[in-house]
N, C-alpha and C. Protein backbone atom coordinates (compact mmCIF):
# COMPACT_ATOMS: atom_id res chain seq x y z
N MET A 1 -79.84 129.51 -28.22
CA MET A 1 -78.74 129.71 -29.13
C MET A 1 -77.43 129.42 -28.41
N GLY A 2 -76.50 128.81 -29.13
CA GLY A 2 -75.21 128.44 -28.55
C GLY A 2 -74.20 129.55 -28.65
N LYS A 3 -72.97 129.15 -28.83
CA LYS A 3 -71.87 130.11 -28.94
C LYS A 3 -71.81 130.67 -30.35
N ARG A 4 -71.78 132.01 -30.44
CA ARG A 4 -71.79 132.68 -31.74
C ARG A 4 -70.43 133.26 -32.09
N ALA A 5 -70.20 133.32 -33.41
CA ALA A 5 -68.96 133.91 -33.91
C ALA A 5 -69.27 134.77 -35.11
N LEU A 6 -68.45 135.78 -35.29
CA LEU A 6 -68.51 136.67 -36.43
C LEU A 6 -67.14 136.60 -37.09
N VAL A 7 -67.13 136.22 -38.37
CA VAL A 7 -65.87 136.13 -39.11
C VAL A 7 -65.86 137.20 -40.18
N LEU A 8 -64.92 138.12 -40.07
CA LEU A 8 -64.72 139.13 -41.10
C LEU A 8 -63.89 138.47 -42.19
N PHE A 9 -64.43 138.45 -43.40
CA PHE A 9 -63.84 137.71 -44.51
C PHE A 9 -63.29 138.69 -45.54
N ALA A 10 -61.97 138.68 -45.71
CA ALA A 10 -61.30 139.59 -46.64
C ALA A 10 -60.58 138.79 -47.72
N HIS A 11 -60.16 139.49 -48.76
CA HIS A 11 -59.51 138.81 -49.88
C HIS A 11 -58.15 138.24 -49.51
N GLY A 12 -57.30 139.07 -48.95
CA GLY A 12 -55.91 138.67 -48.69
C GLY A 12 -54.98 139.30 -49.71
N ALA A 13 -53.72 139.43 -49.35
CA ALA A 13 -52.72 140.04 -50.23
C ALA A 13 -51.35 139.50 -49.87
N ARG A 14 -50.38 139.75 -50.73
CA ARG A 14 -49.03 139.26 -50.47
C ARG A 14 -48.33 140.06 -49.37
N SER A 15 -48.69 141.32 -49.23
CA SER A 15 -48.06 142.18 -48.23
C SER A 15 -48.78 142.05 -46.89
N ALA A 16 -48.05 141.71 -45.85
CA ALA A 16 -48.65 141.54 -44.52
C ALA A 16 -49.29 142.84 -44.03
N SER A 17 -48.75 143.98 -44.42
CA SER A 17 -49.29 145.26 -43.95
C SER A 17 -50.69 145.53 -44.51
N TRP A 18 -51.04 144.87 -45.60
CA TRP A 18 -52.37 145.05 -46.19
C TRP A 18 -53.46 144.69 -45.19
N ALA A 19 -53.20 143.74 -44.32
CA ALA A 19 -54.22 143.26 -43.38
C ALA A 19 -54.45 144.21 -42.20
N ALA A 20 -53.60 145.19 -42.00
CA ALA A 20 -53.69 146.05 -40.82
C ALA A 20 -55.06 146.70 -40.62
N PRO A 21 -55.68 147.30 -41.65
CA PRO A 21 -56.99 147.90 -41.39
C PRO A 21 -58.06 146.87 -41.04
N PHE A 22 -57.94 145.67 -41.58
CA PHE A 22 -58.89 144.61 -41.28
C PHE A 22 -58.70 144.11 -39.84
N GLU A 23 -57.45 144.07 -39.41
CA GLU A 23 -57.18 143.69 -38.02
C GLU A 23 -57.73 144.74 -37.05
N ARG A 24 -57.58 146.01 -37.41
CA ARG A 24 -58.15 147.07 -36.57
C ARG A 24 -59.67 146.96 -36.53
N LEU A 25 -60.28 146.69 -37.67
CA LEU A 25 -61.73 146.51 -37.72
C LEU A 25 -62.16 145.34 -36.84
N ARG A 26 -61.45 144.23 -36.94
CA ARG A 26 -61.74 143.07 -36.09
C ARG A 26 -61.67 143.44 -34.62
N ASP A 27 -60.63 144.16 -34.24
CA ASP A 27 -60.46 144.54 -32.84
C ASP A 27 -61.55 145.50 -32.38
N MET A 28 -61.96 146.41 -33.25
CA MET A 28 -63.02 147.36 -32.90
C MET A 28 -64.36 146.65 -32.74
N VAL A 29 -64.64 145.70 -33.63
CA VAL A 29 -65.89 144.93 -33.52
C VAL A 29 -65.87 144.11 -32.24
N ALA A 30 -64.76 143.45 -31.97
CA ALA A 30 -64.64 142.62 -30.77
C ALA A 30 -64.82 143.44 -29.50
N ALA A 31 -64.30 144.66 -29.50
CA ALA A 31 -64.43 145.53 -28.33
C ALA A 31 -65.88 145.91 -28.07
N ARG A 32 -66.66 146.06 -29.13
CA ARG A 32 -68.06 146.43 -28.98
C ARG A 32 -68.96 145.25 -28.68
N ALA A 33 -68.49 144.02 -28.95
CA ALA A 33 -69.31 142.83 -28.72
C ALA A 33 -68.46 141.74 -28.07
N PRO A 34 -68.06 141.95 -26.81
CA PRO A 34 -67.15 141.00 -26.17
C PRO A 34 -67.74 139.60 -25.98
N GLU A 35 -69.06 139.48 -26.08
CA GLU A 35 -69.69 138.17 -25.93
C GLU A 35 -69.62 137.33 -27.21
N ILE A 36 -69.18 137.94 -28.31
CA ILE A 36 -69.10 137.27 -29.61
C ILE A 36 -67.63 136.99 -29.92
N ASP A 37 -67.37 135.81 -30.46
CA ASP A 37 -66.03 135.47 -30.93
C ASP A 37 -65.84 136.13 -32.29
N VAL A 38 -65.02 137.16 -32.37
CA VAL A 38 -64.80 137.91 -33.61
C VAL A 38 -63.42 137.58 -34.14
N SER A 39 -63.38 137.18 -35.42
CA SER A 39 -62.09 136.83 -36.02
C SER A 39 -62.04 137.31 -37.46
N LEU A 40 -60.90 137.10 -38.06
CA LEU A 40 -60.63 137.53 -39.43
C LEU A 40 -60.15 136.32 -40.20
N ALA A 41 -60.65 136.16 -41.43
CA ALA A 41 -60.21 135.06 -42.30
C ALA A 41 -60.09 135.60 -43.72
N PHE A 42 -59.33 134.89 -44.54
CA PHE A 42 -59.02 135.36 -45.87
C PHE A 42 -59.39 134.34 -46.94
N LEU A 43 -59.65 134.84 -48.13
CA LEU A 43 -59.94 133.99 -49.28
C LEU A 43 -58.66 133.33 -49.77
N GLU A 44 -57.61 134.12 -49.88
CA GLU A 44 -56.35 133.59 -50.41
C GLU A 44 -55.17 134.47 -49.97
N LEU A 45 -53.99 133.96 -50.17
CA LEU A 45 -52.73 134.68 -49.96
C LEU A 45 -52.37 134.96 -48.51
N MET A 46 -53.30 134.84 -47.58
CA MET A 46 -53.03 135.09 -46.16
C MET A 46 -53.70 134.01 -45.33
N SER A 47 -53.26 133.91 -44.10
CA SER A 47 -53.86 132.96 -43.16
C SER A 47 -54.45 133.71 -41.99
N PRO A 48 -55.47 133.14 -41.39
CA PRO A 48 -56.08 131.86 -41.74
C PRO A 48 -57.06 132.03 -42.90
N ARG A 49 -57.16 130.98 -43.69
CA ARG A 49 -58.19 130.93 -44.72
C ARG A 49 -59.51 130.62 -44.02
N LEU A 50 -60.62 130.89 -44.69
CA LEU A 50 -61.93 130.70 -44.08
C LEU A 50 -62.15 129.27 -43.58
N PRO A 51 -61.82 128.22 -44.34
CA PRO A 51 -62.03 126.87 -43.81
C PRO A 51 -61.22 126.60 -42.54
N GLU A 52 -59.99 127.10 -42.48
CA GLU A 52 -59.16 126.92 -41.28
C GLU A 52 -59.79 127.63 -40.08
N GLN A 53 -60.30 128.84 -40.31
CA GLN A 53 -60.87 129.61 -39.21
C GLN A 53 -62.14 128.96 -38.68
N VAL A 54 -63.00 128.49 -39.57
CA VAL A 54 -64.23 127.85 -39.12
C VAL A 54 -63.90 126.54 -38.39
N ALA A 55 -62.91 125.80 -38.84
CA ALA A 55 -62.49 124.59 -38.13
C ALA A 55 -62.01 124.93 -36.72
N ALA A 56 -61.26 126.02 -36.59
CA ALA A 56 -60.79 126.45 -35.26
C ALA A 56 -61.97 126.85 -34.38
N LEU A 57 -62.95 127.53 -34.96
CA LEU A 57 -64.14 127.91 -34.20
C LEU A 57 -64.91 126.67 -33.75
N ALA A 58 -65.05 125.71 -34.64
CA ALA A 58 -65.74 124.46 -34.30
C ALA A 58 -65.04 123.76 -33.14
N ALA A 59 -63.71 123.76 -33.18
CA ALA A 59 -62.93 123.12 -32.11
C ALA A 59 -63.15 123.81 -30.77
N ARG A 60 -63.52 125.10 -30.80
CA ARG A 60 -63.78 125.84 -29.55
C ARG A 60 -65.25 125.77 -29.14
N GLY A 61 -66.05 124.99 -29.86
CA GLY A 61 -67.44 124.81 -29.48
C GLY A 61 -68.41 125.84 -30.04
N ILE A 62 -67.96 126.63 -31.00
CA ILE A 62 -68.85 127.60 -31.65
C ILE A 62 -69.83 126.82 -32.52
N ASP A 63 -71.10 127.20 -32.47
CA ASP A 63 -72.07 126.50 -33.31
C ASP A 63 -72.90 127.43 -34.19
N ASP A 64 -72.57 128.71 -34.22
CA ASP A 64 -73.30 129.67 -35.04
C ASP A 64 -72.30 130.70 -35.58
N VAL A 65 -72.09 130.68 -36.89
CA VAL A 65 -71.07 131.53 -37.52
C VAL A 65 -71.71 132.42 -38.57
N THR A 66 -71.47 133.72 -38.45
CA THR A 66 -71.87 134.67 -39.47
C THR A 66 -70.61 135.21 -40.13
N VAL A 67 -70.58 135.12 -41.45
CA VAL A 67 -69.44 135.60 -42.23
C VAL A 67 -69.81 136.95 -42.84
N VAL A 68 -68.96 137.94 -42.59
CA VAL A 68 -69.18 139.28 -43.14
C VAL A 68 -68.08 139.56 -44.16
N PRO A 69 -68.42 139.56 -45.45
CA PRO A 69 -67.41 139.89 -46.46
C PRO A 69 -67.04 141.37 -46.37
N VAL A 70 -65.81 141.65 -46.03
CA VAL A 70 -65.34 143.03 -45.97
C VAL A 70 -64.75 143.39 -47.34
N PHE A 71 -65.66 143.34 -48.31
CA PHE A 71 -65.39 143.70 -49.70
C PHE A 71 -66.25 144.93 -50.00
N LEU A 72 -65.81 145.77 -50.92
CA LEU A 72 -66.61 146.94 -51.26
C LEU A 72 -67.84 146.58 -52.09
N GLY A 73 -67.76 145.53 -52.89
CA GLY A 73 -68.89 145.17 -53.73
C GLY A 73 -69.09 143.67 -53.81
N GLN A 74 -70.18 143.29 -54.44
CA GLN A 74 -70.57 141.90 -54.60
C GLN A 74 -69.97 141.36 -55.90
N GLY A 75 -68.65 141.31 -55.99
CA GLY A 75 -67.99 140.78 -57.19
C GLY A 75 -67.95 139.27 -57.17
N GLY A 76 -67.15 138.71 -58.06
CA GLY A 76 -67.08 137.27 -58.23
C GLY A 76 -66.71 136.51 -56.97
N HIS A 77 -65.83 137.06 -56.16
CA HIS A 77 -65.44 136.34 -54.94
C HIS A 77 -66.62 136.20 -53.99
N VAL A 78 -67.42 137.24 -53.87
CA VAL A 78 -68.57 137.19 -52.96
C VAL A 78 -69.73 136.42 -53.59
N LEU A 79 -69.93 136.58 -54.88
CA LEU A 79 -71.06 135.95 -55.55
C LEU A 79 -70.83 134.48 -55.90
N ARG A 80 -69.57 134.11 -56.20
CA ARG A 80 -69.30 132.73 -56.62
C ARG A 80 -68.45 131.95 -55.61
N ASP A 81 -67.32 132.51 -55.24
CA ASP A 81 -66.38 131.77 -54.39
C ASP A 81 -66.92 131.55 -52.98
N LEU A 82 -67.47 132.60 -52.38
CA LEU A 82 -67.95 132.48 -51.01
C LEU A 82 -69.08 131.46 -50.86
N PRO A 83 -70.10 131.47 -51.73
CA PRO A 83 -71.14 130.44 -51.59
C PRO A 83 -70.61 129.01 -51.67
N LEU A 84 -69.62 128.79 -52.53
CA LEU A 84 -69.01 127.45 -52.62
C LEU A 84 -68.29 127.09 -51.32
N LEU A 85 -67.54 128.05 -50.79
CA LEU A 85 -66.86 127.83 -49.51
C LEU A 85 -67.86 127.53 -48.40
N LEU A 86 -68.96 128.27 -48.38
CA LEU A 86 -69.97 128.05 -47.33
C LEU A 86 -70.59 126.66 -47.45
N ASP A 87 -70.86 126.23 -48.68
CA ASP A 87 -71.40 124.87 -48.87
C ASP A 87 -70.42 123.83 -48.35
N GLU A 88 -69.15 124.00 -48.65
CA GLU A 88 -68.12 123.06 -48.17
C GLU A 88 -68.04 123.07 -46.65
N LEU A 89 -68.15 124.25 -46.05
CA LEU A 89 -68.09 124.36 -44.60
C LEU A 89 -69.28 123.67 -43.94
N ARG A 90 -70.44 123.81 -44.53
CA ARG A 90 -71.64 123.16 -43.98
C ARG A 90 -71.53 121.64 -44.02
N VAL A 91 -70.91 121.13 -45.07
CA VAL A 91 -70.69 119.68 -45.17
C VAL A 91 -69.64 119.24 -44.15
N ALA A 92 -68.55 120.01 -44.04
CA ALA A 92 -67.46 119.66 -43.13
C ALA A 92 -67.85 119.81 -41.66
N HIS A 93 -68.78 120.73 -41.37
CA HIS A 93 -69.17 121.02 -39.99
C HIS A 93 -70.70 121.06 -39.88
N PRO A 94 -71.35 119.91 -39.99
CA PRO A 94 -72.82 119.90 -40.02
C PRO A 94 -73.47 120.41 -38.74
N GLY A 95 -72.76 120.46 -37.65
CA GLY A 95 -73.33 120.95 -36.40
C GLY A 95 -73.26 122.46 -36.24
N ILE A 96 -72.73 123.14 -37.23
CA ILE A 96 -72.56 124.58 -37.14
C ILE A 96 -73.48 125.26 -38.17
N ALA A 97 -74.23 126.25 -37.72
CA ALA A 97 -74.99 127.09 -38.63
C ALA A 97 -74.01 128.12 -39.21
N VAL A 98 -73.86 128.12 -40.53
CA VAL A 98 -72.94 129.04 -41.19
C VAL A 98 -73.74 129.85 -42.20
N ARG A 99 -73.65 131.17 -42.08
CA ARG A 99 -74.35 132.05 -43.00
C ARG A 99 -73.44 133.22 -43.35
N ALA A 100 -73.78 133.88 -44.45
CA ALA A 100 -73.04 135.08 -44.84
C ALA A 100 -74.02 136.20 -45.12
N VAL A 101 -73.57 137.40 -44.92
CA VAL A 101 -74.34 138.59 -45.27
C VAL A 101 -73.70 139.21 -46.51
N GLY A 102 -74.30 140.26 -47.03
CA GLY A 102 -73.75 140.93 -48.21
C GLY A 102 -72.44 141.64 -47.92
N ALA A 103 -71.79 142.02 -49.00
CA ALA A 103 -70.53 142.75 -48.88
C ALA A 103 -70.73 144.04 -48.10
N VAL A 104 -69.81 144.34 -47.21
CA VAL A 104 -69.94 145.52 -46.34
C VAL A 104 -70.09 146.80 -47.14
N GLY A 105 -69.45 146.89 -48.29
CA GLY A 105 -69.51 148.10 -49.10
C GLY A 105 -70.85 148.33 -49.77
N GLU A 106 -71.75 147.35 -49.70
CA GLU A 106 -73.08 147.49 -50.28
C GLU A 106 -74.08 148.08 -49.27
N ASP A 107 -73.68 148.17 -48.01
CA ASP A 107 -74.59 148.65 -46.98
C ASP A 107 -74.76 150.17 -47.06
N PRO A 108 -76.00 150.67 -47.01
CA PRO A 108 -76.23 152.11 -47.11
C PRO A 108 -75.49 152.92 -46.04
N GLN A 109 -75.41 152.43 -44.81
CA GLN A 109 -74.71 153.17 -43.75
C GLN A 109 -73.21 153.25 -44.05
N VAL A 110 -72.65 152.18 -44.57
CA VAL A 110 -71.23 152.19 -44.92
C VAL A 110 -71.00 153.16 -46.07
N LEU A 111 -71.87 153.13 -47.05
CA LEU A 111 -71.73 154.07 -48.17
C LEU A 111 -71.84 155.52 -47.71
N ARG A 112 -72.73 155.80 -46.75
CA ARG A 112 -72.83 157.16 -46.21
C ARG A 112 -71.53 157.55 -45.51
N ALA A 113 -70.97 156.65 -44.73
CA ALA A 113 -69.70 156.94 -44.05
C ALA A 113 -68.58 157.18 -45.06
N MET A 114 -68.56 156.42 -46.13
CA MET A 114 -67.54 156.61 -47.17
C MET A 114 -67.76 157.94 -47.90
N THR A 115 -69.02 158.30 -48.12
CA THR A 115 -69.34 159.59 -48.74
C THR A 115 -68.83 160.72 -47.85
N ASP A 116 -69.12 160.64 -46.56
CA ASP A 116 -68.65 161.67 -45.62
C ASP A 116 -67.14 161.78 -45.66
N TYR A 117 -66.45 160.65 -45.69
CA TYR A 117 -64.99 160.67 -45.73
C TYR A 117 -64.50 161.34 -47.02
N CYS A 118 -65.09 160.95 -48.15
CA CYS A 118 -64.67 161.53 -49.43
C CYS A 118 -64.87 163.04 -49.44
N LEU A 119 -66.03 163.48 -48.99
CA LEU A 119 -66.31 164.92 -48.98
C LEU A 119 -65.43 165.67 -47.99
N SER A 120 -65.10 165.03 -46.89
CA SER A 120 -64.24 165.69 -45.89
C SER A 120 -62.81 165.83 -46.39
N SER A 121 -62.47 165.11 -47.44
CA SER A 121 -61.10 165.21 -47.96
C SER A 121 -60.87 166.48 -48.77
N LEU A 122 -61.97 167.16 -49.15
CA LEU A 122 -61.82 168.40 -49.91
C LEU A 122 -61.24 169.50 -49.02
N PRO A 123 -60.40 170.33 -49.59
CA PRO A 123 -59.89 171.45 -48.78
C PRO A 123 -61.03 172.42 -48.46
N SER A 124 -60.95 173.03 -47.33
CA SER A 124 -61.95 174.02 -46.94
C SER A 124 -61.88 175.21 -47.87
N PRO A 125 -63.05 175.76 -48.25
CA PRO A 125 -63.00 176.96 -49.11
C PRO A 125 -62.38 178.13 -48.35
N LEU A 126 -61.66 178.93 -49.06
CA LEU A 126 -61.05 180.12 -48.44
C LEU A 126 -62.12 181.17 -48.21
N ALA A 127 -62.00 181.84 -47.09
CA ALA A 127 -62.99 182.89 -46.76
C ALA A 127 -62.67 184.17 -47.46
């Protein structure tokens, strides 16, 4: 296996501050897997867009890319837009294996962590 990359794929927003939690997630993933090129790309409204990011990875000699949609669910962007983008990327970069996994919010471990967070937000009962 060659050089691997993990691209966290988010929607994007007009406000630059919206990306802050995704940047922290990217940094936390990169810290746990220093041998993997970990980056962040967006569908729209922010840069880099996914095609730009994969082109940059290709230029650095990456030949295996896994895209992780950091979406809560498998909505239209993940079900329709992302597969089209992946097909375009495979044509544009035939030497790179490009794959995507399901939306992060669909994972049982992520849902458990979100459940824990929601429940921890309740005030403690009075004694």
